[in-house]
């Protein structure tokens, strides 16, 4: 696991905050794991920018749910195969957050890898 994700980052995400302006649409190509951002700049007009995509989901604690037969070694092996990174979210000891979706799981490979890791 890596660094903790702060409440500010979570709130910015939930409120749709993005430092890049004028994005009016996003398209995703599964085969190349690439996104295309459609921008409508008031001065430059319509543009399409290619960018990378890091698929993610938020999950709760999977301990005791027979995830990979409760084997940490097997889970770590599969994490390597699918480029999975798991980051704990900052909960500040809040009981509701502690019992909720408190981990961000990302795949540095593709959306398909992220989904396959959980199948």
PDB file of N, CA and C in Angstrom:
ATOM      1  N   UNK A   1       0.839  -1.173   0.000  1.00  0.00           N
ATOM      2  CA  UNK A   1       0.000   0.000   0.000  1.00  0.00           C
ATOM      3  C   UNK A   1       0.888   1.241   0.000  1.00  0.00           C
ATOM      4  N   UNK A   2       0.371   2.313  -0.571  1.00  0.00           N
ATOM      5  CA  UNK A   2       1.151   3.540  -0.671  1.00  0.00           C
ATOM      6  C   UNK A   2       0.548   4.625   0.212  1.00  0.00           C
ATOM      7  N   UNK A   3       0.824   5.873  -0.112  1.00  0.00           N
ATOM      8  CA  UNK A   3       0.372   6.985   0.722  1.00  0.00           C
ATOM      9  C   UNK A   3      -1.148   7.064   0.866  1.00  0.00           C
ATOM     10  N   UNK A   4      -1.578   7.729   1.930  1.00  0.00           N
ATOM     11  CA  UNK A   4      -3.002   7.881   2.238  1.00  0.00           C
ATOM     12  C   UNK A   4      -3.592   8.997   1.382  1.00  0.00           C
ATOM     13  N   UNK A   5      -4.809   8.797   0.900  1.00  0.00           N
ATOM     14  CA  UNK A   5      -5.508   9.811   0.110  1.00  0.00           C
ATOM     15  C   UNK A   5      -6.304  10.695   1.060  1.00  0.00           C
ATOM     16  N   UNK A   6      -6.144  11.993   0.952  1.00  0.00           N
ATOM     17  CA  UNK A   6      -6.744  12.932   1.900  1.00  0.00           C
ATOM     18  C   UNK A   6      -8.212  13.205   1.593  1.00  0.00           C
ATOM     19  N   UNK A   7      -8.898  13.735   2.596  1.00  0.00           N
ATOM     20  CA  UNK A   7     -10.301  14.123   2.445  1.00  0.00           C
ATOM     21  C   UNK A   7     -10.450  15.183   1.350  1.00  0.00           C
ATOM     22  N   UNK A   8      -9.491  16.094   1.245  1.00  0.00           N
ATOM     23  CA  UNK A   8      -9.563  17.163   0.244  1.00  0.00           C
ATOM     24  C   UNK A   8      -9.560  16.585  -1.170  1.00  0.00           C
ATOM     25  N   UNK A   9      -8.718  15.604  -1.419  1.00  0.00           N
ATOM     26  CA  UNK A   9      -8.653  14.967  -2.734  1.00  0.00           C
ATOM     27  C   UNK A   9      -9.978  14.275  -3.032  1.00  0.00           C
ATOM     28  N   UNK A  10     -10.531  13.584  -2.047  1.00  0.00           N
ATOM     29  CA  UNK A  10     -11.808  12.886  -2.222  1.00  0.00           C
ATOM     30  C   UNK A  10     -12.920  13.892  -2.507  1.00  0.00           C
ATOM     31  N   UNK A  11     -12.976  14.971  -1.730  1.00  0.00           N
ATOM     32  CA  UNK A  11     -14.018  15.987  -1.932  1.00  0.00           C
ATOM     33  C   UNK A  11     -13.899  16.640  -3.298  1.00  0.00           C
ATOM     34  N   UNK A  12     -12.675  16.971  -3.734  1.00  0.00           N
ATOM     35  CA  UNK A  12     -12.485  17.560  -5.064  1.00  0.00           C
ATOM     36  C   UNK A  12     -13.009  16.621  -6.139  1.00  0.00           C
ATOM     37  N   UNK A  13     -12.711  15.329  -5.995  1.00  0.00           N
ATOM     38  CA  UNK A  13     -13.191  14.342  -6.964  1.00  0.00           C
ATOM     39  C   UNK A  13     -14.720  14.287  -6.983  1.00  0.00           C
ATOM     40  N   UNK A  14     -15.325  14.204  -5.804  1.00  0.00           N
ATOM     41  CA  UNK A  14     -16.777  14.090  -5.717  1.00  0.00           C
ATOM     42  C   UNK A  14     -17.499  15.330  -6.233  1.00  0.00           C
ATOM     43  N   UNK A  15     -16.847  16.487  -6.138  1.00  0.00           N
ATOM     44  CA  UNK A  15     -17.460  17.721  -6.614  1.00  0.00           C
ATOM     45  C   UNK A  15     -17.099  18.032  -8.069  1.00  0.00           C
ATOM     46  N   UNK A  16     -16.397  17.113  -8.719  1.00  0.00           N
ATOM     47  CA  UNK A  16     -16.087  17.286 -10.138  1.00  0.00           C
ATOM     48  C   UNK A  16     -15.003  18.304 -10.415  1.00  0.00           C
ATOM     49  N   UNK A  17     -14.148  18.533  -9.462  1.00  0.00           N
ATOM     50  CA  UNK A  17     -13.080  19.507  -9.639  1.00  0.00           C
ATOM     51  C   UNK A  17     -12.018  18.969 -10.591  1.00  0.00           C
ATOM     52  N   UNK A  18     -11.582  19.814 -11.516  1.00  0.00           N
ATOM     53  CA  UNK A  18     -10.526  19.436 -12.445  1.00  0.00           C
ATOM     54  C   UNK A  18      -9.794  20.707 -12.848  1.00  0.00           C
ATOM     55  N   UNK A  19      -8.480  20.747 -12.698  1.00  0.00           N
ATOM     56  CA  UNK A  19      -7.743  21.955 -13.065  1.00  0.00           C
ATOM     57  C   UNK A  19      -7.767  22.235 -14.577  1.00  0.00           C
ATOM     58  N   UNK A  20      -8.037  21.211 -15.369  1.00  0.00           N
ATOM     59  CA  UNK A  20      -8.099  21.413 -16.824  1.00  0.00           C
ATOM     60  C   UNK A  20      -9.481  21.959 -17.192  1.00  0.00           C
ATOM     61  N   UNK A  21      -9.484  23.076 -17.877  1.00  0.00           N
ATOM     62  CA  UNK A  21     -10.736  23.753 -18.210  1.00  0.00           C
ATOM     63  C   UNK A  21     -11.284  23.296 -19.558  1.00  0.00           C
ATOM     64  N   UNK A  22     -12.578  23.540 -19.730  1.00  0.00           N
ATOM     65  CA  UNK A  22     -13.300  23.411 -21.004  1.00  0.00           C
ATOM     66  C   UNK A  22     -13.544  21.982 -21.472  1.00  0.00           C
ATOM     67  N   UNK A  23     -13.404  20.980 -20.590  1.00  0.00           N
ATOM     68  CA  UNK A  23     -13.701  19.603 -20.981  1.00  0.00           C
ATOM     69  C   UNK A  23     -15.221  19.462 -21.091  1.00  0.00           C
ATOM     70  N   UNK A  24     -15.692  19.054 -22.264  1.00  0.00           N
ATOM     71  CA  UNK A  24     -17.135  18.880 -22.473  1.00  0.00           C
ATOM     72  C   UNK A  24     -17.510  17.424 -22.712  1.00  0.00           C
ATOM     73  N   UNK A  25     -16.510  16.560 -22.898  1.00  0.00           N
ATOM     74  CA  UNK A  25     -16.789  15.142 -23.106  1.00  0.00           C
ATOM     75  C   UNK A  25     -15.521  14.322 -22.987  1.00  0.00           C
ATOM     76  N   UNK A  26     -15.707  13.033 -22.713  1.00  0.00           N
ATOM     77  CA  UNK A  26     -14.579  12.103 -22.599  1.00  0.00           C
ATOM     78  C   UNK A  26     -14.976  10.802 -23.281  1.00  0.00           C
ATOM     79  N   UNK A  27     -14.082  10.255 -24.094  1.00  0.00           N
ATOM     80  CA  UNK A  27     -14.294   8.958 -24.741  1.00  0.00           C
ATOM     81  C   UNK A  27     -13.150   8.038 -24.334  1.00  0.00           C
ATOM     82  N   UNK A  28     -13.450   6.750 -24.207  1.00  0.00           N
ATOM     83  CA  UNK A  28     -12.453   5.786 -23.746  1.00  0.00           C
ATOM     84  C   UNK A  28     -12.308   4.662 -24.767  1.00  0.00           C
ATOM     85  N   UNK A  29     -11.061   4.330 -25.106  1.00  0.00           N
ATOM     86  CA  UNK A  29     -10.756   3.213 -26.004  1.00  0.00           C
ATOM     87  C   UNK A  29     -10.197   2.068 -25.164  1.00  0.00           C
ATOM     88  N   UNK A  30     -11.025   1.021 -24.968  1.00  0.00           N
ATOM     89  CA  UNK A  30     -10.626  -0.117 -24.133  1.00  0.00           C
ATOM     90  C   UNK A  30      -9.354  -0.791 -24.623  1.00  0.00           C
ATOM     91  N   UNK A  31      -9.212  -0.927 -25.942  1.00  0.00           N
ATOM     92  CA  UNK A  31      -8.072  -1.667 -26.481  1.00  0.00           C
ATOM     93  C   UNK A  31      -6.738  -1.010 -26.156  1.00  0.00           C
ATOM     94  N   UNK A  32      -6.694   0.314 -26.209  1.00  0.00           N
ATOM     95  CA  UNK A  32      -5.429   1.013 -25.970  1.00  0.00           C
ATOM     96  C   UNK A  32      -5.335   1.618 -24.570  1.00  0.00           C
ATOM     97  N   UNK A  33      -6.413   1.520 -23.765  1.00  0.00           N
ATOM     98  CA  UNK A  33      -6.482   2.119 -22.433  1.00  0.00           C
ATOM     99  C   UNK A  33      -6.172   3.617 -22.499  1.00  0.00           C
ATOM    100  N   UNK A  34      -6.736   4.261 -23.517  1.00  0.00           N
ATOM    101  CA  UNK A  34      -6.514   5.678 -23.762  1.00  0.00           C
ATOM    102  C   UNK A  34      -7.843   6.414 -23.684  1.00  0.00           C
ATOM    103  N   UNK A  35      -7.803   7.622 -23.133  1.00  0.00           N
ATOM    104  CA  UNK A  35      -9.000   8.454 -23.169  1.00  0.00           C
ATOM    105  C   UNK A  35      -8.757   9.613 -24.128  1.00  0.00           C
ATOM    106  N   UNK A  36      -9.843  10.111 -24.665  1.00  0.00           N
ATOM    107  CA  UNK A  36      -9.814  11.274 -25.535  1.00  0.00           C
ATOM    108  C   UNK A  36     -10.707  12.325 -24.893  1.00  0.00           C
ATOM    109  N   UNK A  37     -10.105  13.451 -24.523  1.00  0.00           N
ATOM    110  CA  UNK A  37     -10.858  14.537 -23.901  1.00  0.00           C
ATOM    111  C   UNK A  37     -11.278  15.512 -24.985  1.00  0.00           C
ATOM    112  N   UNK A  38     -12.562  15.795 -25.038  1.00  0.00           N
ATOM    113  CA  UNK A  38     -13.076  16.762 -25.990  1.00  0.00           C
ATOM    114  C   UNK A  38     -13.178  18.086 -25.247  1.00  0.00           C
ATOM    115  N   UNK A  39     -12.480  19.086 -25.757  1.00  0.00           N
ATOM    116  CA  UNK A  39     -12.453  20.402 -25.130  1.00  0.00           C
ATOM    117  C   UNK A  39     -13.117  21.431 -26.048  1.00  0.00           C
ATOM    118  N   UNK A  40     -13.828  22.344 -25.451  1.00  0.00           N
ATOM    119  CA  UNK A  40     -14.439  23.446 -26.197  1.00  0.00           C
ATOM    120  C   UNK A  40     -13.871  24.744 -25.624  1.00  0.00           C
ATOM    121  N   UNK A  41     -12.708  25.140 -26.150  1.00  0.00           N
ATOM    122  CA  UNK A  41     -12.029  26.350 -25.693  1.00  0.00           C
ATOM    123  C   UNK A  41     -12.674  27.559 -26.369  1.00  0.00           C
ATOM    124  N   UNK A  42     -13.049  28.581 -25.594  1.00  0.00           N
ATOM    125  CA  UNK A  42     -13.713  29.739 -26.187  1.00  0.00           C
ATOM    126  C   UNK A  42     -12.840  30.498 -27.199  1.00  0.00           C
ATOM    127  N   UNK A  43     -11.520  30.375 -27.078  1.00  0.00           N
ATOM    128  CA  UNK A  43     -10.618  31.085 -27.997  1.00  0.00           C
ATOM    129  C   UNK A  43     -10.106  30.191 -29.126  1.00  0.00           C
ATOM    130  N   UNK A  44      -9.786  28.928 -28.815  1.00  0.00           N
ATOM    131  CA  UNK A  44      -9.185  28.027 -29.801  1.00  0.00           C
ATOM    132  C   UNK A  44     -10.205  27.130 -30.493  1.00  0.00           C
ATOM    133  N   UNK A  45     -11.423  27.042 -29.958  1.00  0.00           N
ATOM    134  CA  UNK A  45     -12.448  26.183 -30.542  1.00  0.00           C
ATOM    135  C   UNK A  45     -12.375  24.762 -30.013  1.00  0.00           C
ATOM    136  N   UNK A  46     -12.982  23.848 -30.775  1.00  0.00           N
ATOM    137  CA  UNK A  46     -13.056  22.445 -30.358  1.00  0.00           C
ATOM    138  C   UNK A  46     -11.722  21.743 -30.597  1.00  0.00           C
ATOM    139  N   UNK A  47     -11.300  20.961 -29.572  1.00  0.00           N
ATOM    140  CA  UNK A  47     -10.053  20.192 -29.662  1.00  0.00           C
ATOM    141  C   UNK A  47     -10.273  18.812 -29.042  1.00  0.00           C
ATOM    142  N   UNK A  48      -9.484  17.860 -29.487  1.00  0.00           N
ATOM    143  CA  UNK A  48      -9.485  16.525 -28.884  1.00  0.00           C
ATOM    144  C   UNK A  48      -8.057  16.245 -28.432  1.00  0.00           C
ATOM    145  N   UNK A  49      -7.921  15.937 -27.129  1.00  0.00           N
ATOM    146  CA  UNK A  49      -6.616  15.635 -26.558  1.00  0.00           C
ATOM    147  C   UNK A  49      -6.589  14.192 -26.078  1.00  0.00           C
ATOM    148  N   UNK A  50      -5.526  13.501 -26.435  1.00  0.00           N
ATOM    149  CA  UNK A  50      -5.330  12.118 -25.990  1.00  0.00           C
ATOM    150  C   UNK A  50      -4.660  12.154 -24.622  1.00  0.00           C
ATOM    151  N   UNK A  51      -5.069  11.229 -23.738  1.00  0.00           N
ATOM    152  CA  UNK A  51      -4.488  11.162 -22.397  1.00  0.00           C
ATOM    153  C   UNK A  51      -4.546   9.721 -21.913  1.00  0.00           C
ATOM    154  N   UNK A  52      -3.786   9.415 -20.864  1.00  0.00           N
ATOM    155  CA  UNK A  52      -3.824   8.075 -20.288  1.00  0.00           C
ATOM    156  C   UNK A  52      -4.966   7.994 -19.278  1.00  0.00           C
ATOM    157  N   UNK A  53      -5.354   6.791 -18.961  1.00  0.00           N
ATOM    158  CA  UNK A  53      -6.454   6.540 -18.044  1.00  0.00           C
ATOM    159  C   UNK A  53      -5.982   5.571 -16.983  1.00  0.00           C
ATOM    160  N   UNK A  54      -6.214   5.899 -15.719  1.00  0.00           N
ATOM    161  CA  UNK A  54      -5.902   4.995 -14.611  1.00  0.00           C
ATOM    162  C   UNK A  54      -7.230   4.582 -13.985  1.00  0.00           C
ATOM    163  N   UNK A  55      -7.721   3.381 -14.339  1.00  0.00           N
ATOM    164  CA  UNK A  55      -8.998   2.924 -13.777  1.00  0.00           C
ATOM    165  C   UNK A  55      -8.867   2.645 -12.287  1.00  0.00           C
ATOM    166  N   UNK A  56      -9.935   2.948 -11.548  1.00  0.00           N
ATOM    167  CA  UNK A  56      -9.897   2.754 -10.103  1.00  0.00           C
ATOM    168  C   UNK A  56     -11.293   2.429  -9.583  1.00  0.00           C
ATOM    169  N   UNK A  57     -11.332   1.879  -8.386  1.00  0.00           N
ATOM    170  CA  UNK A  57     -12.583   1.740  -7.636  1.00  0.00           C
ATOM    171  C   UNK A  57     -12.279   1.867  -6.161  1.00  0.00           C
ATOM    172  N   UNK A  58     -13.316   2.172  -5.420  1.00  0.00           N
ATOM    173  CA  UNK A  58     -13.213   2.220  -3.975  1.00  0.00           C
ATOM    174  C   UNK A  58     -13.825   0.947  -3.428  1.00  0.00           C
ATOM    175  N   UNK A  59     -13.123   0.299  -2.483  1.00  0.00           N
ATOM    176  CA  UNK A  59     -13.617  -0.944  -1.895  1.00  0.00           C
ATOM    177  C   UNK A  59     -13.485  -0.894  -0.379  1.00  0.00           C
ATOM    178  N   UNK A  60     -14.243  -1.748   0.261  1.00  0.00           N
ATOM    179  CA  UNK A  60     -14.148  -1.916   1.711  1.00  0.00           C
ATOM    180  C   UNK A  60     -13.142  -2.998   2.043  1.00  0.00           C
ATOM    181  N   UNK A  61     -13.067  -3.337   3.298  1.00  0.00           N
ATOM    182  CA  UNK A  61     -12.162  -4.373   3.780  1.00  0.00           C
ATOM    183  C   UNK A  61     -12.675  -5.735   3.314  1.00  0.00           C
ATOM    184  N   UNK A  62     -11.823  -6.476   2.627  1.00  0.00           N
ATOM    185  CA  UNK A  62     -12.222  -7.790   2.092  1.00  0.00           C
ATOM    186  C   UNK A  62     -11.758  -8.944   2.979  1.00  0.00           C
ATOM    187  N   UNK A  63     -11.197  -8.618   4.135  1.00  0.00           N
ATOM    188  CA  UNK A  63     -10.728  -9.647   5.065  1.00  0.00           C
ATOM    189  C   UNK A  63     -11.894 -10.548   5.478  1.00  0.00           C
ATOM    190  N   UNK A  64     -11.662 -11.856   5.420  1.00  0.00           N
ATOM    191  CA  UNK A  64     -12.675 -12.816   5.847  1.00  0.00           C
ATOM    192  C   UNK A  64     -13.735 -13.116   4.801  1.00  0.00           C
ATOM    193  N   UNK A  65     -13.585 -12.575   3.603  1.00  0.00           N
ATOM    194  CA  UNK A  65     -14.574 -12.816   2.540  1.00  0.00           C
ATOM    195  C   UNK A  65     -14.072 -13.826   1.504  1.00  0.00           C
ATOM    196  N   UNK A  66     -13.001 -14.551   1.867  1.00  0.00           N
ATOM    197  CA  UNK A  66     -12.420 -15.570   1.006  1.00  0.00           C
ATOM    198  C   UNK A  66     -11.882 -14.979  -0.303  1.00  0.00           C
ATOM    199  N   UNK A  67     -11.452 -13.724  -0.272  1.00  0.00           N
ATOM    200  CA  UNK A  67     -10.853 -13.076  -1.439  1.00  0.00           C
ATOM    201  C   UNK A  67      -9.505 -13.731  -1.700  1.00  0.00           C
ATOM    202  N   UNK A  68      -9.361 -14.368  -2.843  1.00  0.00           N
ATOM    203  CA  UNK A  68      -8.177 -15.166  -3.186  1.00  0.00           C
ATOM    204  C   UNK A  68      -7.874 -16.185  -2.083  1.00  0.00           C
ATOM    205  N   UNK A  69      -8.913 -16.876  -1.636  1.00  0.00           N
ATOM    206  CA  UNK A  69      -8.833 -17.903  -0.597  1.00  0.00           C
ATOM    207  C   UNK A  69      -8.152 -17.367   0.668  1.00  0.00           C
ATOM    208  N   UNK A  70      -8.309 -16.063   0.939  1.00  0.00           N
ATOM    209  CA  UNK A  70      -7.682 -15.387   2.088  1.00  0.00           C
ATOM    210  C   UNK A  70      -6.157 -15.535   2.096  1.00  0.00           C
ATOM    211  N   UNK A  71      -5.563 -15.738   0.915  1.00  0.00           N
ATOM    212  CA  UNK A  71      -4.113 -15.894   0.795  1.00  0.00           C
ATOM    213  C   UNK A  71      -3.480 -14.567   0.364  1.00  0.00           C
ATOM    214  N   UNK A  72      -2.707 -13.958   1.254  1.00  0.00           N
ATOM    215  CA  UNK A  72      -2.005 -12.708   0.933  1.00  0.00           C
ATOM    216  C   UNK A  72      -0.991 -12.933  -0.183  1.00  0.00           C
ATOM    217  N   UNK A  73      -0.346 -14.093  -0.191  1.00  0.00           N
ATOM    218  CA  UNK A  73       0.647 -14.384  -1.223  1.00  0.00           C
ATOM    219  C   UNK A  73      -0.019 -14.440  -2.601  1.00  0.00           C
ATOM    220  N   UNK A  74      -1.159 -15.123  -2.692  1.00  0.00           N
ATOM    221  CA  UNK A  74      -1.868 -15.216  -3.975  1.00  0.00           C
ATOM    222  C   UNK A  74      -2.392 -13.840  -4.389  1.00  0.00           C
ATOM    223  N   UNK A  75      -2.906 -13.084  -3.429  1.00  0.00           N
ATOM    224  CA  UNK A  75      -3.398 -11.739  -3.732  1.00  0.00           C
ATOM    225  C   UNK A  75      -2.258 -10.868  -4.272  1.00  0.00           C
ATOM    226  N   UNK A  76      -1.098 -10.905  -3.646  1.00  0.00           N
ATOM    227  CA  UNK A  76       0.049 -10.109  -4.102  1.00  0.00           C
ATOM    228  C   UNK A  76       0.497 -10.533  -5.494  1.00  0.00           C
ATOM    229  N   UNK A  77       0.465 -11.838  -5.761  1.00  0.00           N
ATOM    230  CA  UNK A  77       0.829 -12.330  -7.091  1.00  0.00           C
ATOM    231  C   UNK A  77      -0.117 -11.754  -8.139  1.00  0.00           C
ATOM    232  N   UNK A  78      -1.423 -11.810  -7.857  1.00  0.00           N
ATOM    233  CA  UNK A  78      -2.433 -11.302  -8.793  1.00  0.00           C
ATOM    234  C   UNK A  78      -2.345  -9.778  -8.919  1.00  0.00           C
ATOM    235  N   UNK A  79      -1.990  -9.092  -7.828  1.00  0.00           N
ATOM    236  CA  UNK A  79      -1.805  -7.642  -7.888  1.00  0.00           C
ATOM    237  C   UNK A  79      -0.692  -7.309  -8.884  1.00  0.00           C
ATOM    238  N   UNK A  80       0.395  -8.071  -8.845  1.00  0.00           N
ATOM    239  CA  UNK A  80       1.495  -7.863  -9.785  1.00  0.00           C
ATOM    240  C   UNK A  80       1.081  -8.133 -11.217  1.00  0.00           C
ATOM    241  N   UNK A  81       0.339  -9.209 -11.426  1.00  0.00           N
ATOM    242  CA  UNK A  81      -0.127  -9.561 -12.779  1.00  0.00           C
ATOM    243  C   UNK A  81      -1.009  -8.479 -13.384  1.00  0.00           C
ATOM    244  N   UNK A  82      -1.837  -7.859 -12.555  1.00  0.00           N
ATOM    245  CA  UNK A  82      -2.823  -6.899 -13.059  1.00  0.00           C
ATOM    246  C   UNK A  82      -2.432  -5.436 -12.819  1.00  0.00           C
ATOM    247  N   UNK A  83      -1.211  -5.202 -12.324  1.00  0.00           N
ATOM    248  CA  UNK A  83      -0.750  -3.834 -12.094  1.00  0.00           C
ATOM    249  C   UNK A  83      -1.565  -3.106 -11.043  1.00  0.00           C
ATOM    250  N   UNK A  84      -1.960  -3.811  -9.992  1.00  0.00           N
ATOM    251  CA  UNK A  84      -2.850  -3.261  -8.973  1.00  0.00           C
ATOM    252  C   UNK A  84      -2.070  -2.538  -7.869  1.00  0.00           C
ATOM    253  N   UNK A  85      -2.557  -1.344  -7.519  1.00  0.00           N
ATOM    254  CA  UNK A  85      -2.056  -0.590  -6.377  1.00  0.00           C
ATOM    255  C   UNK A  85      -3.240  -0.327  -5.452  1.00  0.00           C
ATOM    256  N   UNK A  86      -3.045  -0.525  -4.144  1.00  0.00           N
ATOM    257  CA  UNK A  86      -4.107  -0.302  -3.170  1.00  0.00           C
ATOM    258  C   UNK A  86      -3.654   0.801  -2.221  1.00  0.00           C
ATOM    259  N   UNK A  87      -4.496   1.839  -2.094  1.00  0.00           N
ATOM    260  CA  UNK A  87      -4.195   2.990  -1.257  1.00  0.00           C
ATOM    261  C   UNK A  87      -5.301   3.175  -0.228  1.00  0.00           C
ATOM    262  N   UNK A  88      -4.953   3.246   1.064  1.00  0.00           N
ATOM    263  CA  UNK A  88      -6.000   3.492   2.069  1.00  0.00           C
ATOM    264  C   UNK A  88      -6.451   4.949   2.018  1.00  0.00           C
ATOM    265  N   UNK A  89      -7.745   5.156   2.239  1.00  0.00           N
ATOM    266  CA  UNK A  89      -8.287   6.504   2.314  1.00  0.00           C
ATOM    267  C   UNK A  89      -8.191   7.002   3.741  1.00  0.00           C
ATOM    268  N   UNK A  90      -8.052   8.285   3.910  1.00  0.00           N
ATOM    269  CA  UNK A  90      -7.966   8.897   5.225  1.00  0.00           C
ATOM    270  C   UNK A  90      -9.355   8.878   5.872  1.00  0.00           C
ATOM    271  N   UNK A  91      -9.506   8.236   7.022  1.00  0.00           N
ATOM    272  CA  UNK A  91     -10.823   8.123   7.662  1.00  0.00           C
ATOM    273  C   UNK A  91     -10.934   8.930   8.949  1.00  0.00           C
ATOM    274  N   UNK A  92      -9.821   9.376   9.489  1.00  0.00           N
ATOM    275  CA  UNK A  92      -9.798  10.131  10.751  1.00  0.00           C
ATOM    276  C   UNK A  92     -10.530   9.387  11.860  1.00  0.00           C
ATOM    277  N   UNK A  93     -10.534   8.051  11.806  1.00  0.00           N
ATOM    278  CA  UNK A  93     -11.177   7.253  12.844  1.00  0.00           C
ATOM    279  C   UNK A  93     -12.695   7.267  12.812  1.00  0.00           C
ATOM    280  N   UNK A  94     -13.280   7.865  11.779  1.00  0.00           N
ATOM    281  CA  UNK A  94     -14.740   7.917  11.656  1.00  0.00           C
ATOM    282  C   UNK A  94     -15.270   6.499  11.452  1.00  0.00           C
ATOM    283  N   UNK A  95     -16.152   6.051  12.344  1.00  0.00           N
ATOM    284  CA  UNK A  95     -16.650   4.670  12.319  1.00  0.00           C
ATOM    285  C   UNK A  95     -17.325   4.325  10.991  1.00  0.00           C
ATOM    286  N   UNK A  96     -18.128   5.232  10.480  1.00  0.00           N
ATOM    287  CA  UNK A  96     -18.822   4.981   9.212  1.00  0.00           C
ATOM    288  C   UNK A  96     -17.830   4.796   8.054  1.00  0.00           C
ATOM    289  N   UNK A  97     -16.801   5.647   8.024  1.00  0.00           N
ATOM    290  CA  UNK A  97     -15.786   5.514   6.983  1.00  0.00           C
ATOM    291  C   UNK A  97     -14.941   4.255   7.191  1.00  0.00           C
ATOM    292  N   UNK A  98     -14.607   3.961   8.441  1.00  0.00           N
ATOM    293  CA  UNK A  98     -13.810   2.768   8.745  1.00  0.00           C
ATOM    294  C   UNK A  98     -14.523   1.500   8.283  1.00  0.00           C
ATOM    295  N   UNK A  99     -15.849   1.485   8.376  1.00  0.00           N
ATOM    296  CA  UNK A  99     -16.631   0.317   7.972  1.00  0.00           C
ATOM    297  C   UNK A  99     -17.107   0.386   6.520  1.00  0.00           C
ATOM    298  N   UNK A 100     -16.719   1.431   5.806  1.00  0.00           N
ATOM    299  CA  UNK A 100     -17.189   1.633   4.439  1.00  0.00           C
ATOM    300  C   UNK A 100     -16.113   1.369   3.399  1.00  0.00           C
ATOM    301  N   UNK A 101     -16.200   2.096   2.312  1.00  0.00           N
ATOM    302  CA  UNK A 101     -15.252   1.958   1.204  1.00  0.00           C
ATOM    303  C   UNK A 101     -14.014   2.778   1.525  1.00  0.00           C
ATOM    304  N   UNK A 102     -13.038   2.124   2.130  1.00  0.00           N
ATOM    305  CA  UNK A 102     -11.895   2.867   2.657  1.00  0.00           C
ATOM    306  C   UNK A 102     -10.577   2.623   1.921  1.00  0.00           C
ATOM    307  N   UNK A 103     -10.637   1.938   0.786  1.00  0.00           N
ATOM    308  CA  UNK A 103      -9.436   1.722  -0.023  1.00  0.00           C
ATOM    309  C   UNK A 103      -9.705   2.117  -1.465  1.00  0.00           C
ATOM    310  N   UNK A 104      -8.725   2.769  -2.077  1.00  0.00           N
ATOM    311  CA  UNK A 104      -8.783   3.024  -3.514  1.00  0.00           C
ATOM    312  C   UNK A 104      -7.897   1.982  -4.187  1.00  0.00           C
ATOM    313  N   UNK A 105      -8.462   1.272  -5.148  1.00  0.00           N
ATOM    314  CA  UNK A 105      -7.735   0.239  -5.874  1.00  0.00           C
ATOM    315  C   UNK A 105      -7.592   0.707  -7.316  1.00  0.00           C
ATOM    316  N   UNK A 106      -6.345   0.772  -7.804  1.00  0.00           N
ATOM    317  CA  UNK A 106      -6.067   1.224  -9.171  1.00  0.00           C
ATOM    318  C   UNK A 106      -5.357   0.114  -9.936  1.00  0.00           C
ATOM    319  N   UNK A 107      -5.560   0.113 -11.241  1.00  0.00           N
ATOM    320  CA  UNK A 107      -4.765  -0.757 -12.104  1.00  0.00           C
ATOM    321  C   UNK A 107      -3.921   0.136 -12.999  1.00  0.00           C
ATOM    322  N   UNK A 108      -2.622  -0.080 -12.985  1.00  0.00           N
ATOM    323  CA  UNK A 108      -1.720   0.680 -13.836  1.00  0.00           C
ATOM    324  C   UNK A 108      -1.667   0.075 -15.239  1.00  0.00           C
ATOM    325  N   UNK A 109      -2.455  -0.983 -15.463  1.00  0.00           N
ATOM    326  CA  UNK A 109      -2.499  -1.607 -16.788  1.00  0.00           C
ATOM    327  C   UNK A 109      -3.763  -1.212 -17.543  1.00  0.00           C
ATOM    328  N   UNK A 110      -4.925  -1.693 -17.120  1.00  0.00           N
ATOM    329  CA  UNK A 110      -6.151  -1.390 -17.866  1.00  0.00           C
ATOM    330  C   UNK A 110      -7.387  -1.620 -17.008  1.00  0.00           C
ATOM    331  N   UNK A 111      -8.512  -1.131 -17.508  1.00  0.00           N
ATOM    332  CA  UNK A 111      -9.803  -1.353 -16.867  1.00  0.00           C
ATOM    333  C   UNK A 111     -10.098  -2.847 -16.801  1.00  0.00           C
ATOM    334  N   UNK A 112      -9.787  -3.557 -17.868  1.00  0.00           N
ATOM    335  CA  UNK A 112     -10.012  -5.005 -17.912  1.00  0.00           C
ATOM    336  C   UNK A 112      -9.224  -5.697 -16.805  1.00  0.00           C
ATOM    337  N   UNK A 113      -7.977  -5.283 -16.594  1.00  0.00           N
ATOM    338  CA  UNK A 113      -7.161  -5.859 -15.527  1.00  0.00           C
ATOM    339  C   UNK A 113      -7.765  -5.589 -14.162  1.00  0.00           C
ATOM    340  N   UNK A 114      -8.294  -4.388 -13.956  1.00  0.00           N
ATOM    341  CA  UNK A 114      -8.906  -4.039 -12.678  1.00  0.00           C
ATOM    342  C   UNK A 114     -10.112  -4.956 -12.406  1.00  0.00           C
ATOM    343  N   UNK A 115     -10.972  -5.115 -13.385  1.00  0.00           N
ATOM    344  CA  UNK A 115     -12.157  -5.952 -13.231  1.00  0.00           C
ATOM    345  C   UNK A 115     -11.773  -7.421 -13.056  1.00  0.00           C
ATOM    346  N   UNK A 116     -10.808  -7.879 -13.833  1.00  0.00           N
ATOM    347  CA  UNK A 116     -10.370  -9.275 -13.755  1.00  0.00           C
ATOM    348  C   UNK A 116      -9.780  -9.596 -12.392  1.00  0.00           C
ATOM    349  N   UNK A 117      -9.065  -8.647 -11.790  1.00  0.00           N
ATOM    350  CA  UNK A 117      -8.484  -8.851 -10.463  1.00  0.00           C
ATOM    351  C   UNK A 117      -9.554  -9.196  -9.440  1.00  0.00           C
ATOM    352  N   UNK A 118     -10.749  -8.637  -9.582  1.00  0.00           N
ATOM    353  CA  UNK A 118     -11.815  -8.880  -8.616  1.00  0.00           C
ATOM    354  C   UNK A 118     -12.734 -10.046  -8.984  1.00  0.00           C
ATOM    355  N   UNK A 119     -12.571 -10.644 -10.151  1.00  0.00           N
ATOM    356  CA  UNK A 119     -13.438 -11.775 -10.541  1.00  0.00           C
ATOM    357  C   UNK A 119     -12.990 -13.050  -9.878  1.00  0.00           C
TER     358      UNK A 119
END
